[in-house]
Amino acid sequence: MESKVSGMFEEGLDPVIQSAMLAPNLVREFGRVLPLITRINKAHVLMLADRGILAEGVARSLAQAILALEAEGEEAFTLDPALEDPYFNYEAELIARTGTDIGGRVHTARSRNDLYATMDRLRARDLADRFAKAVFDLRAVLIAKAKEHRDVLAPGYTH
């Protein structure tokens, strides 16, 4: 499958660029973003179906393929640096499984920038959740220590 970005040009990306720049980043990033892309695609397909933008059969086919990819994990994908990024590699596998007419519709009403902005928000929310949990865990430890040492006198000074 040709890249949607560099495919606009007469020649594709030089193989040296693909192997030296794109491939290492793709391999490093793909496993990290695959769960996020999957979550976003599941929600997006449900929204498209709920709004009547996708026919029920198309939405069902997309949802089944997305769930299958989720179950299979990274092993379901043959990463191609010529496709340039994780999303285009994901979309290529989805299209390979469902055909262009169905698989290509997952991109309906959404840009790649929308997808990446949503991934950033999900990562930020996850970090905030983990931080909040750590603060609550610290609070529990401090309360336990305070109870353990409640009879210890501590002088208080002002100025």
N, C-alpha and C. Protein backbone atom coordinates (compact mmCIF):
# COMPACT_ATOMS: atom_id res chain seq x y z
N MET A 1 0.85 -1.18 0.00
CA MET A 1 0.00 0.00 0.00
C MET A 1 0.89 1.24 0.00
N GLU A 2 0.55 2.19 -0.80
CA GLU A 2 1.31 3.43 -0.92
C GLU A 2 0.96 4.37 0.23
N SER A 3 1.95 5.10 0.71
CA SER A 3 1.72 6.07 1.77
C SER A 3 0.78 7.16 1.27
N LYS A 4 -0.14 7.57 2.13
CA LYS A 4 -1.06 8.64 1.76
C LYS A 4 -0.38 9.99 1.78
N VAL A 5 0.74 10.08 2.46
CA VAL A 5 1.45 11.35 2.53
C VAL A 5 2.43 11.47 1.38
N SER A 6 3.44 10.59 1.35
CA SER A 6 4.44 10.70 0.29
C SER A 6 3.89 10.22 -1.04
N GLY A 7 2.76 9.53 -1.03
CA GLY A 7 2.14 9.07 -2.27
C GLY A 7 1.67 10.21 -3.16
N MET A 8 1.61 11.41 -2.61
CA MET A 8 1.21 12.57 -3.39
C MET A 8 2.32 13.01 -4.34
N PHE A 9 3.53 12.51 -4.12
CA PHE A 9 4.68 12.90 -4.93
C PHE A 9 4.97 11.84 -5.99
N GLU A 10 5.73 12.22 -7.01
CA GLU A 10 6.04 11.29 -8.09
C GLU A 10 6.85 10.09 -7.61
N GLU A 11 7.75 10.32 -6.69
CA GLU A 11 8.58 9.24 -6.16
C GLU A 11 8.29 9.08 -4.67
N GLY A 12 8.32 7.84 -4.21
CA GLY A 12 8.13 7.60 -2.79
C GLY A 12 9.37 7.99 -2.01
N LEU A 13 9.31 7.76 -0.73
CA LEU A 13 10.46 8.06 0.12
C LEU A 13 11.63 7.14 -0.22
N ASP A 14 12.80 7.69 -0.18
CA ASP A 14 14.01 6.93 -0.44
C ASP A 14 14.10 5.77 0.57
N PRO A 15 14.47 4.57 0.11
CA PRO A 15 14.59 3.43 1.02
C PRO A 15 15.55 3.67 2.19
N VAL A 16 16.58 4.47 1.97
CA VAL A 16 17.52 4.77 3.06
C VAL A 16 16.80 5.56 4.16
N ILE A 17 15.97 6.51 3.76
CA ILE A 17 15.18 7.28 4.73
C ILE A 17 14.23 6.35 5.46
N GLN A 18 13.58 5.47 4.71
CA GLN A 18 12.64 4.53 5.33
C GLN A 18 13.33 3.68 6.39
N SER A 19 14.48 3.11 6.04
CA SER A 19 15.13 2.19 6.98
C SER A 19 15.86 2.91 8.11
N ALA A 20 16.42 4.07 7.83
CA ALA A 20 17.21 4.77 8.85
C ALA A 20 16.38 5.64 9.77
N MET A 21 15.31 6.22 9.25
CA MET A 21 14.53 7.15 10.06
C MET A 21 13.16 6.61 10.44
N LEU A 22 12.43 6.12 9.48
CA LEU A 22 11.05 5.74 9.74
C LEU A 22 10.93 4.39 10.44
N ALA A 23 11.68 3.39 10.01
CA ALA A 23 11.54 2.05 10.57
C ALA A 23 11.82 2.00 12.07
N PRO A 24 12.93 2.58 12.56
CA PRO A 24 13.17 2.51 14.01
C PRO A 24 12.07 3.18 14.82
N ASN A 25 11.60 4.32 14.36
CA ASN A 25 10.54 5.02 15.08
C ASN A 25 9.24 4.22 15.03
N LEU A 26 8.93 3.65 13.88
CA LEU A 26 7.71 2.86 13.73
C LEU A 26 7.73 1.67 14.69
N VAL A 27 8.84 0.95 14.72
CA VAL A 27 8.95 -0.22 15.61
C VAL A 27 8.84 0.21 17.07
N ARG A 28 9.50 1.31 17.43
CA ARG A 28 9.49 1.79 18.81
C ARG A 28 8.10 2.27 19.22
N GLU A 29 7.42 2.97 18.34
CA GLU A 29 6.14 3.59 18.68
C GLU A 29 4.94 2.66 18.56
N PHE A 30 4.97 1.71 17.65
CA PHE A 30 3.77 0.97 17.30
C PHE A 30 3.13 0.28 18.51
N GLY A 31 3.93 -0.46 19.26
CA GLY A 31 3.38 -1.16 20.42
C GLY A 31 2.80 -0.23 21.46
N ARG A 32 3.38 0.95 21.56
CA ARG A 32 2.92 1.92 22.55
C ARG A 32 1.59 2.55 22.15
N VAL A 33 1.41 2.79 20.85
CA VAL A 33 0.20 3.49 20.42
C VAL A 33 -0.91 2.54 19.95
N LEU A 34 -0.58 1.27 19.71
CA LEU A 34 -1.60 0.33 19.24
C LEU A 34 -2.83 0.28 20.16
N PRO A 35 -2.68 0.16 21.48
CA PRO A 35 -3.88 0.15 22.33
C PRO A 35 -4.68 1.45 22.23
N LEU A 36 -3.99 2.57 22.06
CA LEU A 36 -4.69 3.85 21.95
C LEU A 36 -5.45 3.95 20.63
N ILE A 37 -4.80 3.58 19.53
CA ILE A 37 -5.47 3.61 18.23
C ILE A 37 -6.70 2.70 18.27
N THR A 38 -6.55 1.55 18.90
CA THR A 38 -7.67 0.60 18.98
C THR A 38 -8.82 1.19 19.78
N ARG A 39 -8.53 1.77 20.94
CA ARG A 39 -9.59 2.39 21.76
C ARG A 39 -10.32 3.48 20.98
N ILE A 40 -9.54 4.31 20.32
CA ILE A 40 -10.12 5.43 19.57
C ILE A 40 -10.95 4.91 18.41
N ASN A 41 -10.45 3.93 17.68
CA ASN A 41 -11.20 3.39 16.55
C ASN A 41 -12.50 2.74 16.99
N LYS A 42 -12.48 2.01 18.11
CA LYS A 42 -13.72 1.40 18.60
C LYS A 42 -14.76 2.48 18.91
N ALA A 43 -14.34 3.51 19.62
CA ALA A 43 -15.27 4.59 19.97
C ALA A 43 -15.74 5.33 18.72
N HIS A 44 -14.83 5.55 17.78
CA HIS A 44 -15.17 6.29 16.57
C HIS A 44 -16.19 5.53 15.72
N VAL A 45 -15.99 4.23 15.57
CA VAL A 45 -16.93 3.42 14.79
C VAL A 45 -18.30 3.41 15.46
N LEU A 46 -18.33 3.29 16.79
CA LEU A 46 -19.62 3.34 17.50
C LEU A 46 -20.31 4.67 17.27
N MET A 47 -19.55 5.77 17.33
CA MET A 47 -20.13 7.09 17.11
C MET A 47 -20.67 7.21 15.69
N LEU A 48 -19.88 6.75 14.70
CA LEU A 48 -20.33 6.84 13.31
C LEU A 48 -21.61 6.04 13.09
N ALA A 49 -21.70 4.88 13.71
CA ALA A 49 -22.91 4.06 13.59
C ALA A 49 -24.08 4.72 14.31
N ASP A 50 -23.82 5.23 15.51
CA ASP A 50 -24.87 5.87 16.30
C ASP A 50 -25.46 7.08 15.59
N ARG A 51 -24.63 7.81 14.87
CA ARG A 51 -25.08 9.00 14.15
C ARG A 51 -25.63 8.67 12.76
N GLY A 52 -25.63 7.40 12.40
CA GLY A 52 -26.16 7.00 11.10
C GLY A 52 -25.22 7.30 9.95
N ILE A 53 -23.97 7.59 10.25
CA ILE A 53 -23.00 7.89 9.20
C ILE A 53 -22.52 6.60 8.54
N LEU A 54 -22.41 5.55 9.34
CA LEU A 54 -22.06 4.22 8.81
C LEU A 54 -23.29 3.32 8.88
N ALA A 55 -23.49 2.55 7.83
CA ALA A 55 -24.55 1.55 7.86
C ALA A 55 -24.21 0.51 8.91
N GLU A 56 -25.23 -0.12 9.46
CA GLU A 56 -25.03 -1.09 10.54
C GLU A 56 -24.07 -2.21 10.13
N GLY A 57 -24.22 -2.73 8.92
CA GLY A 57 -23.36 -3.81 8.47
C GLY A 57 -21.91 -3.39 8.34
N VAL A 58 -21.68 -2.19 7.85
CA VAL A 58 -20.32 -1.67 7.73
C VAL A 58 -19.71 -1.49 9.12
N ALA A 59 -20.48 -0.90 10.03
CA ALA A 59 -20.00 -0.69 11.39
C ALA A 59 -19.69 -2.02 12.06
N ARG A 60 -20.53 -3.01 11.85
CA ARG A 60 -20.31 -4.33 12.45
C ARG A 60 -19.03 -4.95 11.90
N SER A 61 -18.84 -4.87 10.59
CA SER A 61 -17.62 -5.42 9.98
C SER A 61 -16.37 -4.72 10.51
N LEU A 62 -16.43 -3.41 10.61
CA LEU A 62 -15.29 -2.66 11.14
C LEU A 62 -15.03 -3.04 12.60
N ALA A 63 -16.09 -3.08 13.39
CA ALA A 63 -15.93 -3.41 14.81
C ALA A 63 -15.35 -4.80 14.98
N GLN A 64 -15.82 -5.77 14.20
CA GLN A 64 -15.28 -7.13 14.30
C GLN A 64 -13.80 -7.16 13.94
N ALA A 65 -13.43 -6.45 12.89
CA ALA A 65 -12.02 -6.42 12.48
C ALA A 65 -11.16 -5.73 13.53
N ILE A 66 -11.66 -4.65 14.11
CA ILE A 66 -10.91 -3.94 15.15
C ILE A 66 -10.73 -4.82 16.37
N LEU A 67 -11.79 -5.53 16.76
CA LEU A 67 -11.69 -6.44 17.90
C LEU A 67 -10.72 -7.58 17.62
N ALA A 68 -10.73 -8.08 16.39
CA ALA A 68 -9.79 -9.15 16.02
C ALA A 68 -8.35 -8.64 16.10
N LEU A 69 -8.11 -7.45 15.58
CA LEU A 69 -6.77 -6.87 15.65
C LEU A 69 -6.34 -6.66 17.10
N GLU A 70 -7.27 -6.24 17.93
CA GLU A 70 -6.97 -6.04 19.34
C GLU A 70 -6.59 -7.37 20.00
N ALA A 71 -7.34 -8.42 19.69
CA ALA A 71 -7.07 -9.73 20.27
C ALA A 71 -5.72 -10.28 19.80
N GLU A 72 -5.39 -10.05 18.55
CA GLU A 72 -4.14 -10.58 17.99
C GLU A 72 -2.93 -9.75 18.40
N GLY A 73 -3.14 -8.49 18.71
CA GLY A 73 -2.05 -7.64 19.16
C GLY A 73 -1.07 -7.29 18.05
N GLU A 74 0.13 -6.95 18.45
CA GLU A 74 1.15 -6.50 17.49
C GLU A 74 1.46 -7.54 16.42
N GLU A 75 1.30 -8.82 16.77
CA GLU A 75 1.61 -9.89 15.83
C GLU A 75 0.72 -9.85 14.59
N ALA A 76 -0.40 -9.16 14.67
CA ALA A 76 -1.33 -9.07 13.54
C ALA A 76 -0.79 -8.17 12.43
N PHE A 77 0.25 -7.41 12.73
CA PHE A 77 0.72 -6.39 11.80
C PHE A 77 2.10 -6.70 11.25
N THR A 78 2.25 -6.47 9.96
CA THR A 78 3.56 -6.47 9.32
C THR A 78 3.86 -5.00 9.06
N LEU A 79 4.73 -4.45 9.87
CA LEU A 79 4.99 -3.01 9.78
C LEU A 79 5.77 -2.68 8.52
N ASP A 80 5.31 -1.63 7.85
CA ASP A 80 5.92 -1.19 6.60
C ASP A 80 6.34 0.27 6.74
N PRO A 81 7.63 0.55 6.85
CA PRO A 81 8.06 1.94 7.01
C PRO A 81 7.68 2.83 5.84
N ALA A 82 7.41 2.25 4.68
CA ALA A 82 6.97 3.05 3.53
C ALA A 82 5.62 3.72 3.82
N LEU A 83 4.85 3.16 4.75
CA LEU A 83 3.57 3.76 5.13
C LEU A 83 3.75 4.89 6.14
N GLU A 84 4.94 5.03 6.66
CA GLU A 84 5.40 6.18 7.43
C GLU A 84 5.04 6.23 8.90
N ASP A 85 3.87 5.82 9.33
CA ASP A 85 3.57 5.95 10.75
C ASP A 85 2.65 4.83 11.23
N PRO A 86 2.47 4.72 12.56
CA PRO A 86 1.65 3.63 13.10
C PRO A 86 0.21 3.63 12.58
N TYR A 87 -0.39 4.81 12.48
CA TYR A 87 -1.79 4.83 12.06
C TYR A 87 -1.97 4.27 10.66
N PHE A 88 -1.13 4.69 9.72
CA PHE A 88 -1.28 4.19 8.35
C PHE A 88 -1.00 2.69 8.28
N ASN A 89 -0.12 2.17 9.12
CA ASN A 89 0.11 0.73 9.17
C ASN A 89 -1.13 0.02 9.74
N TYR A 90 -1.74 0.60 10.76
CA TYR A 90 -2.97 0.03 11.32
C TYR A 90 -4.07 0.02 10.27
N GLU A 91 -4.26 1.16 9.63
CA GLU A 91 -5.31 1.28 8.62
C GLU A 91 -5.08 0.30 7.46
N ALA A 92 -3.82 0.11 7.07
CA ALA A 92 -3.52 -0.81 5.97
C ALA A 92 -3.95 -2.23 6.32
N GLU A 93 -3.71 -2.65 7.56
CA GLU A 93 -4.11 -4.01 7.97
C GLU A 93 -5.63 -4.10 8.07
N LEU A 94 -6.27 -3.07 8.55
CA LEU A 94 -7.73 -3.05 8.63
C LEU A 94 -8.34 -3.16 7.23
N ILE A 95 -7.78 -2.43 6.27
CA ILE A 95 -8.26 -2.48 4.89
C ILE A 95 -7.96 -3.85 4.27
N ALA A 96 -6.81 -4.42 4.58
CA ALA A 96 -6.48 -5.75 4.06
C ALA A 96 -7.49 -6.78 4.52
N ARG A 97 -8.04 -6.61 5.71
CA ARG A 97 -9.00 -7.57 6.26
C ARG A 97 -10.43 -7.31 5.83
N THR A 98 -10.77 -6.07 5.56
CA THR A 98 -12.18 -5.75 5.30
C THR A 98 -12.43 -5.19 3.91
N GLY A 99 -11.38 -4.85 3.19
CA GLY A 99 -11.53 -4.22 1.88
C GLY A 99 -11.52 -2.71 2.01
N THR A 100 -11.20 -2.05 0.92
CA THR A 100 -11.08 -0.59 0.92
C THR A 100 -12.40 0.09 1.27
N ASP A 101 -13.50 -0.43 0.73
CA ASP A 101 -14.79 0.22 0.95
C ASP A 101 -15.19 0.23 2.42
N ILE A 102 -14.89 -0.84 3.14
CA ILE A 102 -15.25 -0.89 4.56
C ILE A 102 -14.12 -0.34 5.42
N GLY A 103 -12.93 -0.87 5.27
CA GLY A 103 -11.80 -0.45 6.11
C GLY A 103 -11.46 1.01 5.97
N GLY A 104 -11.62 1.55 4.77
CA GLY A 104 -11.31 2.96 4.55
C GLY A 104 -12.28 3.90 5.24
N ARG A 105 -13.41 3.39 5.65
CA ARG A 105 -14.43 4.25 6.29
C ARG A 105 -14.12 4.57 7.75
N VAL A 106 -13.19 3.87 8.34
CA VAL A 106 -12.84 4.19 9.73
C VAL A 106 -12.28 5.60 9.83
N HIS A 107 -11.81 6.12 8.73
CA HIS A 107 -11.23 7.46 8.69
C HIS A 107 -12.30 8.55 8.47
N THR A 108 -13.55 8.15 8.27
CA THR A 108 -14.64 9.09 8.01
C THR A 108 -14.78 10.09 9.17
N ALA A 109 -14.87 11.35 8.82
CA ALA A 109 -15.13 12.44 9.78
C ALA A 109 -14.03 12.59 10.82
N ARG A 110 -12.81 12.18 10.45
CA ARG A 110 -11.70 12.30 11.39
C ARG A 110 -10.40 12.39 10.60
N SER A 111 -9.55 13.30 11.01
CA SER A 111 -8.23 13.40 10.38
C SER A 111 -7.21 12.64 11.23
N ARG A 112 -6.06 12.41 10.64
CA ARG A 112 -4.98 11.78 11.39
C ARG A 112 -4.57 12.69 12.55
N ASN A 113 -4.63 14.00 12.33
CA ASN A 113 -4.32 14.94 13.42
C ASN A 113 -5.32 14.79 14.57
N ASP A 114 -6.60 14.56 14.26
CA ASP A 114 -7.60 14.31 15.30
C ASP A 114 -7.22 13.08 16.11
N LEU A 115 -6.81 12.04 15.40
CA LEU A 115 -6.43 10.79 16.06
C LEU A 115 -5.25 11.02 17.00
N TYR A 116 -4.22 11.69 16.52
CA TYR A 116 -3.04 11.90 17.35
C TYR A 116 -3.33 12.85 18.51
N ALA A 117 -4.18 13.84 18.31
CA ALA A 117 -4.56 14.72 19.42
C ALA A 117 -5.32 13.94 20.48
N THR A 118 -6.18 13.03 20.05
CA THR A 118 -6.93 12.20 20.99
C THR A 118 -5.99 11.25 21.74
N MET A 119 -5.00 10.70 21.03
CA MET A 119 -4.02 9.84 21.71
C MET A 119 -3.27 10.64 22.78
N ASP A 120 -2.92 11.88 22.47
CA ASP A 120 -2.24 12.72 23.46
C ASP A 120 -3.13 12.93 24.68
N ARG A 121 -4.41 13.17 24.46
CA ARG A 121 -5.34 13.37 25.58
C ARG A 121 -5.48 12.10 26.42
N LEU A 122 -5.56 10.95 25.76
CA LEU A 122 -5.66 9.69 26.50
C LEU A 122 -4.41 9.44 27.33
N ARG A 123 -3.24 9.73 26.76
CA ARG A 123 -1.99 9.56 27.51
C ARG A 123 -1.95 10.52 28.70
N ALA A 124 -2.38 11.77 28.49
CA ALA A 124 -2.39 12.75 29.58
C ALA A 124 -3.36 12.31 30.68
N ARG A 125 -4.51 11.79 30.28
CA ARG A 125 -5.48 11.33 31.28
C ARG A 125 -4.93 10.14 32.06
N ASP A 126 -4.25 9.24 31.37
CA ASP A 126 -3.65 8.09 32.04
C ASP A 126 -2.59 8.55 33.04
N LEU A 127 -1.76 9.50 32.64
CA LEU A 127 -0.74 10.03 33.56
C LEU A 127 -1.39 10.70 34.76
N ALA A 128 -2.45 11.47 34.53
CA ALA A 128 -3.15 12.13 35.63
C ALA A 128 -3.77 11.10 36.58
N ASP A 129 -4.34 10.04 36.03
CA ASP A 129 -4.91 8.97 36.86
C ASP A 129 -3.83 8.30 37.71
N ARG A 130 -2.68 8.01 37.09
CA ARG A 130 -1.59 7.36 37.84
C ARG A 130 -1.03 8.29 38.90
N PHE A 131 -0.94 9.58 38.58
CA PHE A 131 -0.47 10.55 39.56
C PHE A 131 -1.44 10.64 40.74
N ALA A 132 -2.74 10.72 40.45
CA ALA A 132 -3.74 10.79 41.52
C ALA A 132 -3.67 9.55 42.40
N LYS A 133 -3.51 8.38 41.80
CA LYS A 133 -3.40 7.14 42.59
C LYS A 133 -2.16 7.20 43.48
N ALA A 134 -1.05 7.68 42.95
CA ALA A 134 0.18 7.79 43.75
C ALA A 134 -0.02 8.75 44.91
N VAL A 135 -0.72 9.86 44.69
CA VAL A 135 -0.98 10.82 45.76
C VAL A 135 -1.87 10.18 46.83
N PHE A 136 -2.88 9.44 46.43
CA PHE A 136 -3.75 8.77 47.41
C PHE A 136 -2.99 7.68 48.17
N ASP A 137 -2.10 6.97 47.48
CA ASP A 137 -1.27 5.98 48.16
C ASP A 137 -0.35 6.65 49.18
N LEU A 138 0.25 7.78 48.80
CA LEU A 138 1.09 8.54 49.73
C LEU A 138 0.27 9.01 50.92
N ARG A 139 -0.92 9.48 50.66
CA ARG A 139 -1.81 9.94 51.74
C ARG A 139 -2.07 8.82 52.73
N ALA A 140 -2.34 7.62 52.21
CA ALA A 140 -2.60 6.47 53.09
C ALA A 140 -1.38 6.15 53.94
N VAL A 141 -0.19 6.21 53.37
CA VAL A 141 1.04 5.95 54.13
C VAL A 141 1.23 7.02 55.21
N LEU A 142 1.02 8.27 54.86
CA LEU A 142 1.17 9.35 55.84
C LEU A 142 0.18 9.22 56.99
N ILE A 143 -1.05 8.86 56.68
CA ILE A 143 -2.06 8.66 57.73
C ILE A 143 -1.67 7.49 58.62
N ALA A 144 -1.19 6.40 58.02
CA ALA A 144 -0.76 5.24 58.80
C ALA A 144 0.41 5.61 59.71
N LYS A 145 1.37 6.36 59.19
CA LYS A 145 2.52 6.79 60.01
C LYS A 145 2.06 7.73 61.12
N ALA A 146 1.14 8.61 60.82
CA ALA A 146 0.63 9.52 61.85
C ALA A 146 -0.04 8.74 62.97
N LYS A 147 -0.82 7.71 62.62
CA LYS A 147 -1.47 6.88 63.64
C LYS A 147 -0.44 6.10 64.44
N GLU A 148 0.58 5.60 63.74
CA GLU A 148 1.63 4.82 64.39
C GLU A 148 2.40 5.67 65.41
N HIS A 149 2.55 6.93 65.13
CA HIS A 149 3.36 7.81 65.98
C HIS A 149 2.52 8.89 66.67
N ARG A 150 1.25 8.59 66.92
CA ARG A 150 0.38 9.63 67.48
C ARG A 150 0.79 10.05 68.89
N ASP A 151 1.52 9.21 69.61
CA ASP A 151 1.93 9.58 70.98
C ASP A 151 3.29 10.27 71.03
N VAL A 152 3.91 10.47 69.90
CA VAL A 152 5.21 11.13 69.86
C VAL A 152 5.00 12.64 69.92
N LEU A 153 5.71 13.25 70.86
CA LEU A 153 5.61 14.70 70.98
C LEU A 153 6.57 15.35 69.99
N ALA A 154 6.10 16.37 69.37
CA ALA A 154 6.94 17.12 68.44
C ALA A 154 6.79 18.60 68.76
N PRO A 155 7.90 19.24 69.06
CA PRO A 155 7.79 20.67 69.39
C PRO A 155 7.40 21.48 68.16
N GLY A 156 6.70 22.51 68.40
CA GLY A 156 6.32 23.41 67.33
C GLY A 156 6.93 24.78 67.58
N TYR A 157 7.50 25.35 66.61
CA TYR A 157 8.13 26.66 66.75
C TYR A 157 7.49 27.63 65.78
N THR A 158 7.40 28.85 66.20
CA THR A 158 7.01 29.91 65.28
C THR A 158 8.16 30.88 65.22
N HIS A 159 8.39 31.45 64.18
CA HIS A 159 9.43 32.46 63.94
C HIS A 159 10.72 32.04 64.57
